[in-house]
Amino acid sequence: MDLEHERRLAACEERAKSNSHRIDKLEESTDVLNQLAKNMGIMAEKQKQMVDSVEKLDGKVTALEQKPAKRWDSLISKIILTLTAAFLAYLLSKIGL
């Protein structure tokens, strides 16, 4: 082989080593990105579960908040019913029935 071919072959070998090193770095980066993508998927699933839990809790809190209002409404209805019955009893007693 002449000197020119040897020089070109050495340059190709050097470039091949450099490319191999770059490929190794890219493989590492790809592995890191794949792990990151998996972790993001896991985080998204956990976030969805948290949203579902918060929605359930929101429903329970809403029901608890409405309970006193329902009691108050029931009390008012009973008071009105009692007053109406007392008034009707009074009227009936005045009529003589």
N, C-alpha and C. Protein backbone atom coordinates (compact mmCIF):
# COMPACT_ATOMS: atom_id res chain seq x y z
N MET A 1 0.83 -1.17 0.00
CA MET A 1 0.00 0.00 0.00
C MET A 1 0.88 1.24 0.00
N ASP A 2 0.36 2.21 -0.67
CA ASP A 2 1.16 3.42 -0.67
C ASP A 2 0.75 4.31 0.51
N LEU A 3 1.49 5.33 0.70
CA LEU A 3 1.32 6.21 1.88
C LEU A 3 -0.05 6.90 1.89
N GLU A 4 -0.54 7.26 0.74
CA GLU A 4 -1.85 7.93 0.65
C GLU A 4 -2.97 7.01 1.13
N HIS A 5 -2.94 5.75 0.71
CA HIS A 5 -3.95 4.80 1.13
C HIS A 5 -3.90 4.55 2.64
N GLU A 6 -2.70 4.46 3.15
CA GLU A 6 -2.54 4.24 4.60
C GLU A 6 -3.10 5.43 5.38
N ARG A 7 -2.83 6.61 4.89
CA ARG A 7 -3.32 7.81 5.56
C ARG A 7 -4.84 7.86 5.51
N ARG A 8 -5.42 7.52 4.38
CA ARG A 8 -6.87 7.52 4.24
C ARG A 8 -7.50 6.43 5.10
N LEU A 9 -6.85 5.25 5.15
CA LEU A 9 -7.34 4.16 5.98
C LEU A 9 -7.29 4.55 7.47
N ALA A 10 -6.23 5.20 7.89
CA ALA A 10 -6.10 5.65 9.27
C ALA A 10 -7.18 6.69 9.59
N ALA A 11 -7.44 7.58 8.64
CA ALA A 11 -8.48 8.59 8.85
C ALA A 11 -9.85 7.93 8.97
N CYS A 12 -10.11 6.92 8.15
CA CYS A 12 -11.39 6.19 8.22
C CYS A 12 -11.52 5.46 9.55
N GLU A 13 -10.45 4.84 10.00
CA GLU A 13 -10.48 4.14 11.29
C GLU A 13 -10.71 5.13 12.43
N GLU A 14 -10.07 6.28 12.36
CA GLU A 14 -10.25 7.31 13.38
C GLU A 14 -11.70 7.81 13.37
N ARG A 15 -12.25 8.02 12.19
CA ARG A 15 -13.63 8.44 12.08
C ARG A 15 -14.58 7.36 12.59
N ALA A 16 -14.26 6.10 12.33
CA ALA A 16 -15.08 4.99 12.82
C ALA A 16 -15.07 4.96 14.34
N LYS A 17 -13.92 5.17 14.96
CA LYS A 17 -13.84 5.21 16.43
C LYS A 17 -14.68 6.37 16.97
N SER A 18 -14.55 7.52 16.32
CA SER A 18 -15.31 8.68 16.74
C SER A 18 -16.81 8.43 16.61
N ASN A 19 -17.19 7.83 15.48
CA ASN A 19 -18.61 7.52 15.26
C ASN A 19 -19.11 6.50 16.28
N SER A 20 -18.28 5.50 16.60
CA SER A 20 -18.68 4.51 17.60
C SER A 20 -18.90 5.17 18.95
N HIS A 21 -18.01 6.10 19.29
CA HIS A 21 -18.15 6.82 20.55
C HIS A 21 -19.44 7.64 20.55
N ARG A 22 -19.72 8.31 19.45
CA ARG A 22 -20.93 9.12 19.35
C ARG A 22 -22.17 8.24 19.40
N ILE A 23 -22.12 7.07 18.76
CA ILE A 23 -23.25 6.14 18.78
C ILE A 23 -23.49 5.65 20.21
N ASP A 24 -22.42 5.36 20.94
CA ASP A 24 -22.57 4.93 22.33
C ASP A 24 -23.25 6.01 23.17
N LYS A 25 -22.84 7.27 22.97
CA LYS A 25 -23.48 8.37 23.68
C LYS A 25 -24.96 8.48 23.31
N LEU A 26 -25.27 8.32 22.03
CA LEU A 26 -26.66 8.38 21.58
C LEU A 26 -27.49 7.24 22.18
N GLU A 27 -26.90 6.06 22.29
CA GLU A 27 -27.62 4.94 22.91
C GLU A 27 -27.93 5.25 24.37
N GLU A 28 -26.96 5.83 25.08
CA GLU A 28 -27.19 6.21 26.47
C GLU A 28 -28.32 7.26 26.55
N SER A 29 -28.24 8.24 25.67
CA SER A 29 -29.28 9.29 25.66
C SER A 29 -30.65 8.69 25.35
N THR A 30 -30.70 7.77 24.41
CA THR A 30 -31.95 7.12 24.05
C THR A 30 -32.50 6.32 25.22
N ASP A 31 -31.62 5.62 25.93
CA ASP A 31 -32.07 4.87 27.11
C ASP A 31 -32.66 5.81 28.16
N VAL A 32 -31.99 6.94 28.38
CA VAL A 32 -32.48 7.91 29.35
C VAL A 32 -33.83 8.46 28.91
N LEU A 33 -33.96 8.78 27.63
CA LEU A 33 -35.23 9.29 27.12
C LEU A 33 -36.34 8.26 27.22
N ASN A 34 -36.02 7.01 26.95
CA ASN A 34 -37.03 5.95 27.08
C ASN A 34 -37.49 5.81 28.53
N GLN A 35 -36.54 5.86 29.45
CA GLN A 35 -36.90 5.77 30.88
C GLN A 35 -37.76 6.97 31.28
N LEU A 36 -37.39 8.14 30.77
CA LEU A 36 -38.17 9.35 31.06
C LEU A 36 -39.59 9.21 30.52
N ALA A 37 -39.74 8.67 29.33
CA ALA A 37 -41.06 8.47 28.74
C ALA A 37 -41.88 7.50 29.58
N LYS A 38 -41.25 6.43 30.05
CA LYS A 38 -41.96 5.47 30.91
C LYS A 38 -42.41 6.15 32.21
N ASN A 39 -41.50 6.91 32.79
CA ASN A 39 -41.83 7.61 34.04
C ASN A 39 -42.97 8.60 33.84
N MET A 40 -42.97 9.29 32.72
CA MET A 40 -44.04 10.24 32.42
C MET A 40 -45.37 9.50 32.28
N GLY A 41 -45.35 8.34 31.68
CA GLY A 41 -46.57 7.53 31.56
C GLY A 41 -47.09 7.12 32.93
N ILE A 42 -46.18 6.71 33.80
CA ILE A 42 -46.56 6.33 35.16
C ILE A 42 -47.13 7.53 35.90
N MET A 43 -46.47 8.68 35.75
CA MET A 43 -46.95 9.90 36.42
C MET A 43 -48.33 10.29 35.90
N ALA A 44 -48.56 10.16 34.61
CA ALA A 44 -49.86 10.51 34.03
C ALA A 44 -50.94 9.59 34.59
N GLU A 45 -50.64 8.31 34.73
CA GLU A 45 -51.61 7.36 35.28
C GLU A 45 -51.92 7.69 36.74
N LYS A 46 -50.89 8.00 37.51
CA LYS A 46 -51.09 8.35 38.92
C LYS A 46 -51.89 9.65 39.04
N GLN A 47 -51.62 10.59 38.15
CA GLN A 47 -52.37 11.85 38.18
C GLN A 47 -53.84 11.59 37.86
N LYS A 48 -54.10 10.70 36.92
CA LYS A 48 -55.49 10.35 36.59
C LYS A 48 -56.17 9.73 37.80
N GLN A 49 -55.46 8.85 38.51
CA GLN A 49 -56.03 8.25 39.72
C GLN A 49 -56.31 9.31 40.78
N MET A 50 -55.41 10.28 40.89
CA MET A 50 -55.61 11.36 41.86
C MET A 50 -56.83 12.19 41.49
N VAL A 51 -57.01 12.47 40.21
CA VAL A 51 -58.17 13.25 39.77
C VAL A 51 -59.46 12.49 40.09
N ASP A 52 -59.45 11.17 39.86
CA ASP A 52 -60.62 10.37 40.19
C ASP A 52 -60.92 10.43 41.69
N SER A 53 -59.87 10.34 42.50
CA SER A 53 -60.05 10.39 43.96
C SER A 53 -60.58 11.75 44.38
N VAL A 54 -60.05 12.81 43.80
CA VAL A 54 -60.51 14.16 44.15
C VAL A 54 -61.97 14.34 43.75
N GLU A 55 -62.37 13.81 42.61
CA GLU A 55 -63.76 13.91 42.18
C GLU A 55 -64.69 13.17 43.15
N LYS A 56 -64.26 12.00 43.61
CA LYS A 56 -65.06 11.25 44.59
C LYS A 56 -65.18 12.05 45.88
N LEU A 57 -64.06 12.58 46.34
CA LEU A 57 -64.08 13.36 47.57
C LEU A 57 -64.93 14.62 47.42
N ASP A 58 -64.88 15.23 46.24
CA ASP A 58 -65.69 16.42 45.99
C ASP A 58 -67.17 16.09 46.10
N GLY A 59 -67.57 14.94 45.58
CA GLY A 59 -68.96 14.52 45.68
C GLY A 59 -69.38 14.29 47.13
N LYS A 60 -68.48 13.68 47.90
CA LYS A 60 -68.78 13.44 49.31
C LYS A 60 -68.89 14.76 50.08
N VAL A 61 -67.98 15.67 49.81
CA VAL A 61 -68.00 16.97 50.49
C VAL A 61 -69.27 17.73 50.13
N THR A 62 -69.65 17.69 48.88
CA THR A 62 -70.88 18.37 48.45
C THR A 62 -72.09 17.79 49.17
N ALA A 63 -72.13 16.46 49.29
CA ALA A 63 -73.25 15.83 50.00
C ALA A 63 -73.27 16.26 51.47
N LEU A 64 -72.10 16.32 52.08
CA LEU A 64 -72.03 16.75 53.48
C LEU A 64 -72.43 18.21 53.65
N GLU A 65 -72.08 19.04 52.69
CA GLU A 65 -72.45 20.45 52.76
C GLU A 65 -73.95 20.64 52.61
N GLN A 66 -74.59 19.79 51.84
CA GLN A 66 -76.03 19.92 51.60
C GLN A 66 -76.87 19.37 52.75
N LYS A 67 -76.27 18.53 53.59
CA LYS A 67 -77.02 17.91 54.66
C LYS A 67 -77.66 18.93 55.61
N PRO A 68 -76.92 19.92 56.12
CA PRO A 68 -77.57 20.90 57.00
C PRO A 68 -78.69 21.68 56.30
N ALA A 69 -78.50 21.99 55.04
CA ALA A 69 -79.55 22.70 54.30
C ALA A 69 -80.80 21.85 54.19
N LYS A 70 -80.63 20.56 53.97
CA LYS A 70 -81.79 19.67 53.90
C LYS A 70 -82.50 19.60 55.25
N ARG A 71 -81.72 19.56 56.32
CA ARG A 71 -82.32 19.53 57.66
C ARG A 71 -83.10 20.82 57.90
N TRP A 72 -82.52 21.94 57.52
CA TRP A 72 -83.19 23.22 57.71
C TRP A 72 -84.49 23.28 56.91
N ASP A 73 -84.43 22.84 55.66
CA ASP A 73 -85.63 22.80 54.83
C ASP A 73 -86.70 21.90 55.44
N SER A 74 -86.28 20.76 55.95
CA SER A 74 -87.22 19.83 56.58
C SER A 74 -87.85 20.46 57.82
N LEU A 75 -87.03 21.14 58.62
CA LEU A 75 -87.54 21.81 59.82
C LEU A 75 -88.55 22.89 59.46
N ILE A 76 -88.24 23.70 58.47
CA ILE A 76 -89.15 24.76 58.04
C ILE A 76 -90.46 24.15 57.53
N SER A 77 -90.37 23.08 56.76
CA SER A 77 -91.59 22.42 56.26
C SER A 77 -92.44 21.93 57.41
N LYS A 78 -91.81 21.32 58.43
CA LYS A 78 -92.56 20.81 59.57
C LYS A 78 -93.21 21.95 60.37
N ILE A 79 -92.49 23.06 60.51
CA ILE A 79 -93.05 24.22 61.22
C ILE A 79 -94.25 24.77 60.47
N ILE A 80 -94.13 24.90 59.15
CA ILE A 80 -95.25 25.41 58.34
C ILE A 80 -96.43 24.45 58.43
N LEU A 81 -96.15 23.16 58.35
CA LEU A 81 -97.22 22.17 58.45
C LEU A 81 -97.91 22.24 59.82
N THR A 82 -97.13 22.38 60.88
CA THR A 82 -97.69 22.47 62.22
C THR A 82 -98.53 23.73 62.38
N LEU A 83 -98.02 24.86 61.90
CA LEU A 83 -98.78 26.11 61.98
C LEU A 83 -100.06 26.03 61.18
N THR A 84 -100.00 25.42 60.00
CA THR A 84 -101.19 25.27 59.17
C THR A 84 -102.21 24.38 59.86
N ALA A 85 -101.75 23.28 60.43
CA ALA A 85 -102.66 22.37 61.14
C ALA A 85 -103.27 23.07 62.35
N ALA A 86 -102.46 23.85 63.07
CA ALA A 86 -102.98 24.57 64.24
C ALA A 86 -104.02 25.60 63.80
N PHE A 87 -103.75 26.30 62.71
CA PHE A 87 -104.70 27.30 62.21
C PHE A 87 -106.00 26.64 61.78
N LEU A 88 -105.88 25.53 61.07
CA LEU A 88 -107.09 24.81 60.64
C LEU A 88 -107.85 24.28 61.85
N ALA A 89 -107.14 23.78 62.84
CA ALA A 89 -107.81 23.30 64.06
C ALA A 89 -108.51 24.46 64.76
N TYR A 90 -107.88 25.61 64.79
CA TYR A 90 -108.49 26.80 65.40
C TYR A 90 -109.76 27.20 64.65
N LEU A 91 -109.66 27.23 63.29
CA LEU A 91 -110.83 27.58 62.49
C LEU A 91 -111.95 26.57 62.69
N LEU A 92 -111.61 25.31 62.69
CA LEU A 92 -112.64 24.28 62.88
C LEU A 92 -113.27 24.36 64.27
N SER A 93 -112.48 24.71 65.26
CA SER A 93 -113.02 24.84 66.61
C SER A 93 -113.94 26.06 66.70
N LYS A 94 -113.64 27.13 65.96
CA LYS A 94 -114.49 28.32 65.94
C LYS A 94 -115.81 28.04 65.22
N ILE A 95 -115.72 27.20 64.19
CA ILE A 95 -116.94 26.86 63.45
C ILE A 95 -117.78 25.90 64.28
N GLY A 96 -117.16 25.16 65.13
CA GLY A 96 -117.87 24.24 65.98
C GLY A 96 -117.77 22.80 65.52
N LEU A 97 -116.83 22.49 64.73
CA LEU A 97 -116.67 21.12 64.29
C LEU A 97 -115.72 20.41 65.12
